[in-house]
Structure formats: C-alpha cells, structure tokens
Amino acid sequence: MAQEANYGDIILLCGDLHIGTRMQKIHEKIVSALGVNKLQHVLCTGNVGNKETFDWLKQISPDFHCVRGQYDDENNEIHNDQKVIQIGIWKILLIHGHQFVPWNDEETISVFLKENSCDIAVFGNSHQSLISKFERKYFINPGTMSGAYGSIKQDAVILPEFVILECLGDEIGVYKYKLVNGELLIEKCTITK
C-alpha cells in the first residue's frame, strides 16, 4: 500500500465485488493488505454483494461511502445512486457507472462531472480499471476488487483490482493494485489539480 504519511488522506476506491453471487470471497491477500483503520476514506462504486462484505468495507475506515449499483437493491443501507464527496480541495463524484450510456464514454462522464462541479469521477460497472483525463477532469474506475466477471464479458479473465489514492493538497498519488498469480502488483501515477 502507499506509504502512510502524517499528512494527506489515504482513500480506498473499490467496487463491483458481487460477493455471494458471482464470487464467493475477496482474496485473503487483498483483505490483509487493507487491514482495518489504515485508511481515512473508503469510496465504493456499488454492486457489493452480501451484507457481510458491506459490513467489512464499513469497518475498514470511519469515513465510508457507497453508491448503489444495479444489483444492490437487496442492501437497504445503500440509498444513493450518486454522491459528491469533498476530500481536501478535491470534489469527487462517486457513481456506479451503469448510468453512463455508452459505458465509459468520456464525454458522457464529463457531463456528469460538470453537472456536479466535480474534479474526479470514481465509477465502476465495466469491471476493468481505468485512469484517464479528459478536459482537465479525471476518471477513475478501480475495477472489480473480487475479480467478478462483468455483464458483457462473462468468459473474459478478470483479475481482482482496486485503487488507493494518496491525497496531498493539489496532487494525488494514484496506486492501482492488481492481483496476479497470488501477488499484488502496483502501478503508480500522479494527478494534479
């Protein structure tokens, strides 16, 4: 995980777990890497799955936010289809992503960002991670933390992925984690306001 510092916020981005339906559990390497109370914020794009997984995500950090995916109707604790979260100087739009038509379309996502006056869109739905910039706005899809297959590519190999953000004023370190052959691999980039 990103180095913990005495300043800034450490934020977990995750989603599309589908625990209890498409996957049975989250890999133990991921569970132990995240621990409890290491993170200041958890932002989940929805489609969590069972209540036990939802409760586990809530205990990871005291500041937990989750929006409803199209399969979260059973979880009565998720009330919002989208949320705007302010962390430091950054405004983050948290949304599942099935609302974007077509999916992952930068122009469509940009409209949602402008409507909500946000800097970053955090979304899921495709089950594949994405970090990109369009018209001075950032799009982050953390992928699927469990490795669950998506709605379209059920036969594709999908690896468990999540993202950690280290927010340091007008700069954010973006750490993309992917579980490959039982090992967590990390890619890093930086975004700036």
N, C-alpha and C. Protein backbone atom coordinates (compact mmCIF):
# COMPACT_ATOMS: atom_id res chain seq x y z
N MET A 1 0.84 -1.18 0.00
CA MET A 1 0.00 0.00 0.00
C MET A 1 0.88 1.23 0.00
N ALA A 2 0.32 2.33 -0.43
CA ALA A 2 1.04 3.59 -0.45
C ALA A 2 1.59 3.89 0.94
N GLN A 3 2.73 4.55 0.99
CA GLN A 3 3.33 4.91 2.27
C GLN A 3 2.38 5.82 3.03
N GLU A 4 2.13 5.48 4.29
CA GLU A 4 1.30 6.33 5.13
C GLU A 4 2.14 7.51 5.58
N ALA A 5 1.58 8.70 5.56
CA ALA A 5 2.29 9.91 5.94
C ALA A 5 1.52 10.61 7.05
N ASN A 6 2.12 11.60 7.64
CA ASN A 6 1.46 12.36 8.69
C ASN A 6 0.56 13.44 8.12
N TYR A 7 0.43 13.50 6.83
CA TYR A 7 -0.42 14.48 6.19
C TYR A 7 -1.11 13.82 5.01
N GLY A 8 -2.17 14.47 4.54
CA GLY A 8 -2.90 13.91 3.40
C GLY A 8 -3.89 12.85 3.84
N ASP A 9 -4.65 12.39 2.88
CA ASP A 9 -5.66 11.38 3.11
C ASP A 9 -5.37 10.17 2.24
N ILE A 10 -5.55 8.99 2.82
CA ILE A 10 -5.42 7.73 2.09
C ILE A 10 -6.84 7.22 1.84
N ILE A 11 -7.16 6.97 0.57
CA ILE A 11 -8.53 6.66 0.15
C ILE A 11 -8.54 5.36 -0.63
N LEU A 12 -9.39 4.42 -0.23
CA LEU A 12 -9.60 3.19 -1.00
C LEU A 12 -10.74 3.40 -1.96
N LEU A 13 -10.51 3.07 -3.24
CA LEU A 13 -11.57 3.04 -4.25
C LEU A 13 -11.79 1.59 -4.63
N CYS A 14 -13.02 1.14 -4.55
CA CYS A 14 -13.32 -0.25 -4.88
C CYS A 14 -14.76 -0.36 -5.37
N GLY A 15 -15.10 -1.55 -5.86
CA GLY A 15 -16.47 -1.78 -6.29
C GLY A 15 -16.61 -3.07 -7.08
N ASP A 16 -17.83 -3.31 -7.52
CA ASP A 16 -18.18 -4.47 -8.35
C ASP A 16 -17.65 -5.77 -7.77
N LEU A 17 -17.91 -5.98 -6.47
CA LEU A 17 -17.43 -7.18 -5.79
C LEU A 17 -18.32 -8.40 -6.07
N HIS A 18 -19.63 -8.22 -6.05
CA HIS A 18 -20.61 -9.28 -6.32
C HIS A 18 -20.37 -10.51 -5.44
N ILE A 19 -20.02 -10.30 -4.16
CA ILE A 19 -19.75 -11.42 -3.26
C ILE A 19 -21.07 -12.11 -2.92
N GLY A 20 -21.08 -13.42 -3.08
CA GLY A 20 -22.27 -14.22 -2.82
C GLY A 20 -23.04 -14.57 -4.08
N THR A 21 -22.73 -13.88 -5.18
CA THR A 21 -23.41 -14.20 -6.44
C THR A 21 -22.40 -14.65 -7.49
N ARG A 22 -21.52 -13.75 -7.90
CA ARG A 22 -20.53 -14.10 -8.92
C ARG A 22 -19.21 -14.59 -8.33
N MET A 23 -18.91 -14.16 -7.10
CA MET A 23 -17.68 -14.59 -6.41
C MET A 23 -18.04 -14.95 -4.97
N GLN A 24 -17.26 -15.82 -4.38
CA GLN A 24 -17.55 -16.25 -3.01
C GLN A 24 -16.87 -15.40 -1.95
N LYS A 25 -15.69 -14.86 -2.27
CA LYS A 25 -14.98 -14.04 -1.28
C LYS A 25 -13.92 -13.19 -1.96
N ILE A 26 -13.37 -12.29 -1.18
CA ILE A 26 -12.25 -11.46 -1.62
C ILE A 26 -10.98 -12.20 -1.24
N HIS A 27 -10.01 -12.21 -2.12
CA HIS A 27 -8.75 -12.91 -1.88
C HIS A 27 -8.12 -12.42 -0.57
N GLU A 28 -7.59 -13.36 0.21
CA GLU A 28 -7.02 -13.02 1.53
C GLU A 28 -5.84 -12.04 1.43
N LYS A 29 -5.11 -12.03 0.32
CA LYS A 29 -4.01 -11.06 0.14
C LYS A 29 -4.55 -9.63 0.15
N ILE A 30 -5.71 -9.44 -0.46
CA ILE A 30 -6.32 -8.12 -0.51
C ILE A 30 -6.85 -7.74 0.87
N VAL A 31 -7.53 -8.67 1.52
CA VAL A 31 -8.09 -8.41 2.84
C VAL A 31 -6.98 -8.02 3.82
N SER A 32 -5.88 -8.77 3.83
CA SER A 32 -4.80 -8.46 4.78
C SER A 32 -4.07 -7.17 4.40
N ALA A 33 -3.95 -6.86 3.11
CA ALA A 33 -3.28 -5.62 2.69
C ALA A 33 -4.06 -4.38 3.15
N LEU A 34 -5.38 -4.48 3.16
CA LEU A 34 -6.19 -3.33 3.53
C LEU A 34 -6.31 -3.16 5.03
N GLY A 35 -6.39 -4.28 5.77
CA GLY A 35 -6.49 -4.20 7.22
C GLY A 35 -7.69 -3.39 7.65
N VAL A 36 -7.62 -2.85 8.85
CA VAL A 36 -8.68 -2.02 9.42
C VAL A 36 -8.03 -0.75 9.96
N ASN A 37 -8.68 0.37 9.74
CA ASN A 37 -8.24 1.68 10.23
C ASN A 37 -6.89 2.14 9.68
N LYS A 38 -6.48 1.65 8.51
CA LYS A 38 -5.29 2.16 7.84
C LYS A 38 -5.66 3.30 6.90
N LEU A 39 -6.92 3.37 6.53
CA LEU A 39 -7.39 4.30 5.52
C LEU A 39 -8.30 5.35 6.14
N GLN A 40 -8.24 6.57 5.61
CA GLN A 40 -9.13 7.62 6.10
C GLN A 40 -10.51 7.58 5.43
N HIS A 41 -10.57 7.03 4.20
CA HIS A 41 -11.83 7.03 3.46
C HIS A 41 -11.94 5.75 2.63
N VAL A 42 -13.18 5.26 2.47
CA VAL A 42 -13.49 4.19 1.53
C VAL A 42 -14.61 4.69 0.64
N LEU A 43 -14.36 4.64 -0.68
CA LEU A 43 -15.38 5.00 -1.67
C LEU A 43 -15.66 3.78 -2.51
N CYS A 44 -16.88 3.27 -2.42
CA CYS A 44 -17.26 2.04 -3.12
C CYS A 44 -18.30 2.36 -4.20
N THR A 45 -18.06 1.85 -5.40
CA THR A 45 -18.93 2.13 -6.54
C THR A 45 -20.16 1.24 -6.61
N GLY A 46 -20.35 0.37 -5.62
CA GLY A 46 -21.56 -0.44 -5.56
C GLY A 46 -21.38 -1.86 -6.05
N ASN A 47 -22.52 -2.55 -6.18
CA ASN A 47 -22.56 -3.98 -6.51
C ASN A 47 -21.66 -4.76 -5.56
N VAL A 48 -21.89 -4.54 -4.27
CA VAL A 48 -21.08 -5.15 -3.20
C VAL A 48 -21.37 -6.64 -3.09
N GLY A 49 -22.63 -6.98 -3.04
CA GLY A 49 -23.00 -8.38 -2.83
C GLY A 49 -23.65 -8.54 -1.48
N ASN A 50 -23.12 -9.44 -0.66
CA ASN A 50 -23.78 -9.76 0.61
C ASN A 50 -23.51 -8.73 1.71
N LYS A 51 -24.30 -8.82 2.78
CA LYS A 51 -24.21 -7.89 3.91
C LYS A 51 -22.88 -8.01 4.64
N GLU A 52 -22.33 -9.20 4.75
CA GLU A 52 -21.05 -9.38 5.43
C GLU A 52 -19.94 -8.57 4.75
N THR A 53 -19.94 -8.57 3.44
CA THR A 53 -18.93 -7.80 2.69
C THR A 53 -19.16 -6.32 2.86
N PHE A 54 -20.41 -5.90 2.83
CA PHE A 54 -20.75 -4.49 3.05
C PHE A 54 -20.26 -4.05 4.43
N ASP A 55 -20.52 -4.87 5.46
CA ASP A 55 -20.09 -4.55 6.83
C ASP A 55 -18.57 -4.52 6.94
N TRP A 56 -17.87 -5.42 6.24
CA TRP A 56 -16.41 -5.42 6.25
C TRP A 56 -15.87 -4.12 5.65
N LEU A 57 -16.43 -3.69 4.54
CA LEU A 57 -15.99 -2.43 3.92
C LEU A 57 -16.22 -1.25 4.86
N LYS A 58 -17.34 -1.25 5.58
CA LYS A 58 -17.64 -0.16 6.50
C LYS A 58 -16.65 -0.09 7.66
N GLN A 59 -16.12 -1.23 8.08
CA GLN A 59 -15.20 -1.22 9.22
C GLN A 59 -13.76 -0.86 8.83
N ILE A 60 -13.45 -0.87 7.53
CA ILE A 60 -12.09 -0.53 7.08
C ILE A 60 -11.74 0.91 7.43
N SER A 61 -12.73 1.81 7.36
CA SER A 61 -12.47 3.22 7.61
C SER A 61 -13.70 3.86 8.26
N PRO A 62 -13.47 4.87 9.10
CA PRO A 62 -14.61 5.55 9.71
C PRO A 62 -15.40 6.40 8.71
N ASP A 63 -14.80 6.73 7.57
CA ASP A 63 -15.49 7.53 6.56
C ASP A 63 -15.77 6.65 5.34
N PHE A 64 -16.94 6.04 5.32
CA PHE A 64 -17.32 5.06 4.29
C PHE A 64 -18.44 5.63 3.44
N HIS A 65 -18.27 5.55 2.12
CA HIS A 65 -19.30 5.99 1.19
C HIS A 65 -19.52 4.89 0.15
N CYS A 66 -20.77 4.59 -0.13
CA CYS A 66 -21.09 3.57 -1.14
C CYS A 66 -22.34 4.03 -1.89
N VAL A 67 -22.31 3.87 -3.19
CA VAL A 67 -23.49 4.15 -4.01
C VAL A 67 -24.06 2.85 -4.53
N ARG A 68 -25.27 2.92 -4.99
CA ARG A 68 -26.00 1.74 -5.43
C ARG A 68 -25.65 1.37 -6.87
N GLY A 69 -25.25 0.11 -7.04
CA GLY A 69 -25.11 -0.46 -8.37
C GLY A 69 -26.44 -1.07 -8.77
N GLN A 70 -26.56 -1.52 -10.00
CA GLN A 70 -27.85 -2.04 -10.45
C GLN A 70 -28.23 -3.37 -9.78
N TYR A 71 -27.29 -4.01 -9.05
CA TYR A 71 -27.60 -5.25 -8.34
C TYR A 71 -27.64 -5.09 -6.83
N ASP A 72 -27.66 -3.86 -6.33
CA ASP A 72 -27.63 -3.61 -4.89
C ASP A 72 -29.01 -3.39 -4.27
N ASP A 73 -30.07 -3.72 -4.95
CA ASP A 73 -31.41 -3.47 -4.43
C ASP A 73 -31.68 -4.17 -3.11
N GLU A 74 -31.01 -5.30 -2.86
CA GLU A 74 -31.24 -6.05 -1.64
C GLU A 74 -30.64 -5.36 -0.42
N ASN A 75 -29.65 -4.51 -0.61
CA ASN A 75 -28.97 -3.87 0.51
C ASN A 75 -29.65 -2.55 0.82
N ASN A 76 -30.44 -2.54 1.88
CA ASN A 76 -31.22 -1.36 2.23
C ASN A 76 -30.38 -0.22 2.80
N GLU A 77 -29.10 -0.47 3.08
CA GLU A 77 -28.26 0.58 3.63
C GLU A 77 -27.71 1.51 2.55
N ILE A 78 -27.81 1.14 1.28
CA ILE A 78 -27.31 1.98 0.19
C ILE A 78 -28.49 2.74 -0.38
N HIS A 79 -28.48 4.06 -0.20
CA HIS A 79 -29.64 4.86 -0.58
C HIS A 79 -29.41 5.73 -1.82
N ASN A 80 -28.17 6.01 -2.15
CA ASN A 80 -27.89 6.98 -3.22
C ASN A 80 -27.37 6.31 -4.49
N ASP A 81 -27.80 6.85 -5.62
CA ASP A 81 -27.27 6.41 -6.91
C ASP A 81 -25.95 7.12 -7.23
N GLN A 82 -25.76 8.28 -6.63
CA GLN A 82 -24.51 9.01 -6.79
C GLN A 82 -24.32 9.92 -5.59
N LYS A 83 -23.06 10.24 -5.31
CA LYS A 83 -22.72 11.11 -4.19
C LYS A 83 -21.58 12.02 -4.61
N VAL A 84 -21.53 13.20 -4.03
CA VAL A 84 -20.39 14.09 -4.19
C VAL A 84 -19.69 14.16 -2.84
N ILE A 85 -18.40 13.86 -2.84
CA ILE A 85 -17.61 13.81 -1.62
C ILE A 85 -16.46 14.81 -1.76
N GLN A 86 -16.29 15.65 -0.78
CA GLN A 86 -15.19 16.62 -0.75
C GLN A 86 -14.08 16.04 0.12
N ILE A 87 -12.89 15.88 -0.46
CA ILE A 87 -11.71 15.45 0.29
C ILE A 87 -10.61 16.45 -0.03
N GLY A 88 -10.25 17.23 0.98
CA GLY A 88 -9.29 18.30 0.75
C GLY A 88 -9.87 19.29 -0.24
N ILE A 89 -9.09 19.64 -1.26
CA ILE A 89 -9.57 20.59 -2.28
C ILE A 89 -10.25 19.89 -3.45
N TRP A 90 -10.37 18.58 -3.38
CA TRP A 90 -10.91 17.79 -4.49
C TRP A 90 -12.39 17.46 -4.25
N LYS A 91 -13.21 17.65 -5.29
CA LYS A 91 -14.60 17.20 -5.27
C LYS A 91 -14.69 15.95 -6.13
N ILE A 92 -15.19 14.88 -5.52
CA ILE A 92 -15.23 13.57 -6.18
C ILE A 92 -16.68 13.14 -6.38
N LEU A 93 -17.01 12.80 -7.62
CA LEU A 93 -18.32 12.22 -7.93
C LEU A 93 -18.18 10.71 -7.82
N LEU A 94 -18.94 10.10 -6.93
CA LEU A 94 -18.97 8.64 -6.76
C LEU A 94 -20.27 8.14 -7.37
N ILE A 95 -20.15 7.25 -8.36
CA ILE A 95 -21.32 6.75 -9.09
C ILE A 95 -20.99 5.35 -9.60
N HIS A 96 -21.99 4.49 -9.71
CA HIS A 96 -21.68 3.13 -10.15
C HIS A 96 -21.16 3.09 -11.58
N GLY A 97 -21.82 3.75 -12.49
CA GLY A 97 -21.35 3.81 -13.87
C GLY A 97 -22.30 3.20 -14.88
N HIS A 98 -23.29 2.41 -14.43
CA HIS A 98 -24.25 1.87 -15.40
C HIS A 98 -25.14 2.99 -15.96
N GLN A 99 -25.09 4.15 -15.31
CA GLN A 99 -25.86 5.31 -15.77
C GLN A 99 -25.25 5.95 -17.02
N PHE A 100 -23.99 5.67 -17.29
CA PHE A 100 -23.32 6.25 -18.46
C PHE A 100 -23.68 5.46 -19.71
N VAL A 101 -24.25 6.15 -20.68
CA VAL A 101 -24.60 5.50 -21.94
C VAL A 101 -23.97 6.31 -23.06
N PRO A 102 -23.03 5.73 -23.80
CA PRO A 102 -22.48 4.37 -23.64
C PRO A 102 -21.52 4.31 -22.44
N TRP A 103 -21.29 3.10 -21.94
CA TRP A 103 -20.42 2.87 -20.79
C TRP A 103 -19.03 3.43 -21.06
N ASN A 104 -18.44 4.01 -20.02
CA ASN A 104 -17.06 4.52 -20.03
C ASN A 104 -16.82 5.61 -21.06
N ASP A 105 -17.85 6.21 -21.60
CA ASP A 105 -17.70 7.27 -22.59
C ASP A 105 -17.27 8.56 -21.91
N GLU A 106 -16.10 9.08 -22.31
CA GLU A 106 -15.53 10.25 -21.66
C GLU A 106 -16.43 11.48 -21.73
N GLU A 107 -17.08 11.71 -22.85
CA GLU A 107 -17.95 12.87 -22.98
C GLU A 107 -19.16 12.76 -22.06
N THR A 108 -19.73 11.56 -21.94
CA THR A 108 -20.88 11.35 -21.05
C THR A 108 -20.47 11.55 -19.60
N ILE A 109 -19.34 10.98 -19.21
CA ILE A 109 -18.85 11.12 -17.83
C ILE A 109 -18.56 12.58 -17.54
N SER A 110 -18.00 13.27 -18.50
CA SER A 110 -17.69 14.69 -18.34
C SER A 110 -18.94 15.52 -18.05
N VAL A 111 -20.05 15.17 -18.69
CA VAL A 111 -21.32 15.88 -18.43
C VAL A 111 -21.72 15.71 -16.97
N PHE A 112 -21.62 14.47 -16.43
CA PHE A 112 -21.95 14.22 -15.03
C PHE A 112 -21.05 15.04 -14.11
N LEU A 113 -19.75 15.13 -14.46
CA LEU A 113 -18.81 15.90 -13.65
C LEU A 113 -19.17 17.38 -13.64
N LYS A 114 -19.48 17.91 -14.80
CA LYS A 114 -19.83 19.34 -14.91
C LYS A 114 -21.11 19.64 -14.15
N GLU A 115 -22.12 18.75 -14.27
CA GLU A 115 -23.39 18.96 -13.56
C GLU A 115 -23.19 19.01 -12.06
N ASN A 116 -22.20 18.28 -11.54
CA ASN A 116 -21.95 18.20 -10.10
C ASN A 116 -20.75 19.03 -9.66
N SER A 117 -20.15 19.80 -10.57
CA SER A 117 -18.98 20.64 -10.29
C SER A 117 -17.88 19.85 -9.60
N CYS A 118 -17.53 18.69 -10.16
CA CYS A 118 -16.53 17.79 -9.57
C CYS A 118 -15.26 17.74 -10.40
N ASP A 119 -14.17 17.35 -9.75
CA ASP A 119 -12.86 17.20 -10.38
C ASP A 119 -12.59 15.79 -10.86
N ILE A 120 -13.13 14.82 -10.12
CA ILE A 120 -12.84 13.40 -10.37
C ILE A 120 -14.14 12.62 -10.38
N ALA A 121 -14.29 11.72 -11.34
CA ALA A 121 -15.39 10.75 -11.34
C ALA A 121 -14.80 9.40 -10.95
N VAL A 122 -15.35 8.79 -9.90
CA VAL A 122 -14.99 7.43 -9.49
C VAL A 122 -16.21 6.58 -9.81
N PHE A 123 -16.02 5.60 -10.69
CA PHE A 123 -17.14 4.79 -11.17
C PHE A 123 -16.68 3.37 -11.43
N GLY A 124 -17.64 2.47 -11.55
CA GLY A 124 -17.35 1.07 -11.83
C GLY A 124 -18.11 0.60 -13.05
N ASN A 125 -18.69 -0.57 -12.94
CA ASN A 125 -19.57 -1.19 -13.92
C ASN A 125 -18.85 -2.04 -14.96
N SER A 126 -17.71 -1.61 -15.49
CA SER A 126 -17.05 -2.37 -16.55
C SER A 126 -16.19 -3.51 -16.01
N HIS A 127 -15.88 -3.48 -14.70
CA HIS A 127 -15.04 -4.49 -14.05
C HIS A 127 -13.59 -4.44 -14.53
N GLN A 128 -13.21 -3.37 -15.18
CA GLN A 128 -11.82 -3.20 -15.62
C GLN A 128 -11.36 -1.80 -15.24
N SER A 129 -10.18 -1.74 -14.64
CA SER A 129 -9.70 -0.45 -14.15
C SER A 129 -9.39 0.52 -15.29
N LEU A 130 -9.49 1.79 -14.96
CA LEU A 130 -9.24 2.85 -15.92
C LEU A 130 -8.83 4.09 -15.14
N ILE A 131 -7.77 4.73 -15.57
CA ILE A 131 -7.38 6.02 -15.02
C ILE A 131 -7.10 6.91 -16.23
N SER A 132 -7.91 7.95 -16.40
CA SER A 132 -7.72 8.81 -17.58
C SER A 132 -8.10 10.25 -17.25
N LYS A 133 -7.72 11.13 -18.18
CA LYS A 133 -8.00 12.56 -18.04
C LYS A 133 -8.69 13.03 -19.31
N PHE A 134 -9.70 13.88 -19.14
CA PHE A 134 -10.44 14.43 -20.27
C PHE A 134 -10.88 15.84 -19.89
N GLU A 135 -10.47 16.82 -20.67
CA GLU A 135 -10.86 18.22 -20.42
C GLU A 135 -10.60 18.64 -18.98
N ARG A 136 -9.40 18.40 -18.48
CA ARG A 136 -8.96 18.79 -17.13
C ARG A 136 -9.74 18.12 -16.01
N LYS A 137 -10.42 17.02 -16.30
CA LYS A 137 -11.14 16.23 -15.30
C LYS A 137 -10.56 14.81 -15.34
N TYR A 138 -10.67 14.11 -14.22
CA TYR A 138 -10.10 12.76 -14.11
C TYR A 138 -11.20 11.73 -13.93
N PHE A 139 -10.97 10.57 -14.56
CA PHE A 139 -11.89 9.44 -14.47
C PHE A 139 -11.12 8.27 -13.88
N ILE A 140 -11.66 7.67 -12.81
CA ILE A 140 -11.00 6.52 -12.20
C ILE A 140 -12.03 5.42 -12.00
N ASN A 141 -11.76 4.29 -12.62
CA ASN A 141 -12.54 3.08 -12.40
C ASN A 141 -11.60 2.10 -11.70
N PRO A 142 -11.90 1.73 -10.44
CA PRO A 142 -11.00 0.84 -9.71
C PRO A 142 -11.08 -0.63 -10.13
N GLY A 143 -11.94 -0.97 -11.07
CA GLY A 143 -12.09 -2.37 -11.47
C GLY A 143 -12.93 -3.14 -10.46
N THR A 144 -12.77 -4.44 -10.42
CA THR A 144 -13.51 -5.29 -9.51
C THR A 144 -12.58 -5.85 -8.45
N MET A 145 -12.84 -5.55 -7.19
CA MET A 145 -11.96 -5.99 -6.11
C MET A 145 -11.94 -7.51 -5.96
N SER A 146 -12.99 -8.18 -6.37
CA SER A 146 -13.06 -9.64 -6.20
C SER A 146 -12.62 -10.42 -7.44
N GLY A 147 -12.59 -9.74 -8.59
CA GLY A 147 -12.32 -10.44 -9.84
C GLY A 147 -13.58 -11.00 -10.48
N ALA A 148 -14.74 -10.48 -10.08
CA ALA A 148 -16.02 -10.95 -10.62
C ALA A 148 -16.15 -10.62 -12.10
N TYR A 149 -16.74 -11.53 -12.85
CA TYR A 149 -16.97 -11.27 -14.26
C TYR A 149 -18.00 -10.16 -14.43
N GLY A 150 -17.94 -9.48 -15.56
CA GLY A 150 -18.87 -8.40 -15.86
C GLY A 150 -20.08 -8.90 -16.62
N SER A 151 -20.98 -8.00 -16.88
CA SER A 151 -22.23 -8.36 -17.56
C SER A 151 -22.01 -8.75 -19.01
N ILE A 152 -21.02 -8.15 -19.66
CA ILE A 152 -20.84 -8.38 -21.09
C ILE A 152 -19.84 -9.50 -21.37
N LYS A 153 -18.70 -9.50 -20.69
CA LYS A 153 -17.63 -10.45 -20.99
C LYS A 153 -17.55 -11.54 -19.91
N GLN A 154 -18.54 -12.40 -19.83
CA GLN A 154 -18.56 -13.42 -18.79
C GLN A 154 -17.45 -14.45 -18.94
N ASP A 155 -16.91 -14.62 -20.12
CA ASP A 155 -15.84 -15.60 -20.32
C ASP A 155 -14.45 -14.97 -20.27
N ALA A 156 -14.37 -13.66 -20.10
CA ALA A 156 -13.07 -12.98 -20.05
C ALA A 156 -12.38 -13.23 -18.71
N VAL A 157 -11.07 -13.22 -18.70
CA VAL A 157 -10.31 -13.34 -17.46
C VAL A 157 -10.25 -11.95 -16.83
N ILE A 158 -10.87 -11.83 -15.68
CA ILE A 158 -10.90 -10.56 -14.96
C ILE A 158 -10.11 -10.76 -13.67
N LEU A 159 -9.12 -9.92 -13.45
CA LEU A 159 -8.29 -10.01 -12.25
C LEU A 159 -8.79 -9.04 -11.18
N PRO A 160 -8.67 -9.42 -9.91
CA PRO A 160 -9.06 -8.50 -8.84
C PRO A 160 -8.20 -7.23 -8.87
N GLU A 161 -8.87 -6.08 -8.75
CA GLU A 161 -8.20 -4.79 -8.80
C GLU A 161 -8.86 -3.82 -7.82
N PHE A 162 -8.08 -2.88 -7.33
CA PHE A 162 -8.60 -1.76 -6.57
C PHE A 162 -7.59 -0.63 -6.67
N VAL A 163 -7.98 0.56 -6.19
CA VAL A 163 -7.11 1.74 -6.29
C VAL A 163 -7.01 2.39 -4.92
N ILE A 164 -5.82 2.85 -4.60
CA ILE A 164 -5.58 3.66 -3.40
C ILE A 164 -5.15 5.05 -3.88
N LEU A 165 -5.77 6.07 -3.31
CA LEU A 165 -5.37 7.45 -3.58
C LEU A 165 -4.68 8.01 -2.35
N GLU A 166 -3.58 8.72 -2.58
CA GLU A 166 -2.90 9.44 -1.52
C GLU A 166 -3.04 10.92 -1.86
N CYS A 167 -3.93 11.59 -1.16
CA CYS A 167 -4.30 12.97 -1.48
C CYS A 167 -3.42 13.93 -0.69
N LEU A 168 -2.60 14.69 -1.40
CA LEU A 168 -1.66 15.63 -0.79
C LEU A 168 -1.87 17.01 -1.41
N GLY A 169 -2.87 17.72 -0.95
CA GLY A 169 -3.16 19.05 -1.48
C GLY A 169 -3.63 18.99 -2.91
N ASP A 170 -2.92 19.67 -3.81
CA ASP A 170 -3.35 19.71 -5.21
C ASP A 170 -2.77 18.56 -6.03
N GLU A 171 -2.18 17.59 -5.36
CA GLU A 171 -1.60 16.42 -6.03
C GLU A 171 -2.14 15.14 -5.39
N ILE A 172 -2.44 14.16 -6.22
CA ILE A 172 -2.90 12.87 -5.72
C ILE A 172 -2.04 11.77 -6.33
N GLY A 173 -1.47 10.95 -5.46
CA GLY A 173 -0.78 9.75 -5.91
C GLY A 173 -1.83 8.67 -6.13
N VAL A 174 -1.83 8.06 -7.29
CA VAL A 174 -2.81 7.03 -7.64
C VAL A 174 -2.06 5.70 -7.73
N TYR A 175 -2.45 4.75 -6.88
CA TYR A 175 -1.81 3.44 -6.82
C TYR A 175 -2.84 2.40 -7.26
N LYS A 176 -2.62 1.81 -8.42
CA LYS A 176 -3.54 0.79 -8.93
C LYS A 176 -2.97 -0.59 -8.56
N TYR A 177 -3.76 -1.34 -7.81
CA TYR A 177 -3.36 -2.68 -7.37
C TYR A 177 -4.08 -3.72 -8.21
N LYS A 178 -3.34 -4.75 -8.61
CA LYS A 178 -3.91 -5.86 -9.37
C LYS A 178 -3.33 -7.15 -8.81
N LEU A 179 -4.20 -8.12 -8.54
CA LEU A 179 -3.77 -9.43 -8.03
C LEU A 179 -3.48 -10.33 -9.22
N VAL A 180 -2.19 -10.68 -9.39
CA VAL A 180 -1.75 -11.53 -10.49
C VAL A 180 -0.99 -12.72 -9.90
N ASN A 181 -1.49 -13.92 -10.16
CA ASN A 181 -0.85 -15.15 -9.65
C ASN A 181 -0.57 -15.07 -8.15
N GLY A 182 -1.53 -14.56 -7.39
CA GLY A 182 -1.41 -14.51 -5.94
C GLY A 182 -0.57 -13.38 -5.39
N GLU A 183 -0.05 -12.49 -6.25
CA GLU A 183 0.77 -11.37 -5.81
C GLU A 183 0.10 -10.05 -6.20
N LEU A 184 0.16 -9.08 -5.28
CA LEU A 184 -0.38 -7.76 -5.58
C LEU A 184 0.68 -6.93 -6.31
N LEU A 185 0.38 -6.57 -7.54
CA LEU A 185 1.25 -5.71 -8.33
C LEU A 185 0.71 -4.29 -8.27
N ILE A 186 1.62 -3.32 -8.27
CA ILE A 186 1.21 -1.91 -8.11
C ILE A 186 1.73 -1.08 -9.28
N GLU A 187 0.85 -0.26 -9.83
CA GLU A 187 1.23 0.75 -10.82
C GLU A 187 0.92 2.09 -10.19
N LYS A 188 1.80 3.07 -10.36
CA LYS A 188 1.61 4.39 -9.76
C LYS A 188 1.62 5.48 -10.83
N CYS A 189 0.76 6.45 -10.62
CA CYS A 189 0.80 7.67 -11.40
C CYS A 189 0.38 8.82 -10.49
N THR A 190 0.47 10.03 -10.98
CA THR A 190 0.11 11.21 -10.19
C THR A 190 -0.87 12.06 -10.99
N ILE A 191 -1.88 12.59 -10.30
CA ILE A 191 -2.78 13.54 -10.94
C ILE A 191 -2.68 14.86 -10.17
N THR A 192 -2.85 15.96 -10.88
CA THR A 192 -2.75 17.28 -10.26
C THR A 192 -3.94 18.13 -10.64
N LYS A 193 -4.25 19.05 -9.76
CA LYS A 193 -5.39 19.94 -10.00
C LYS A 193 -4.97 21.09 -10.90
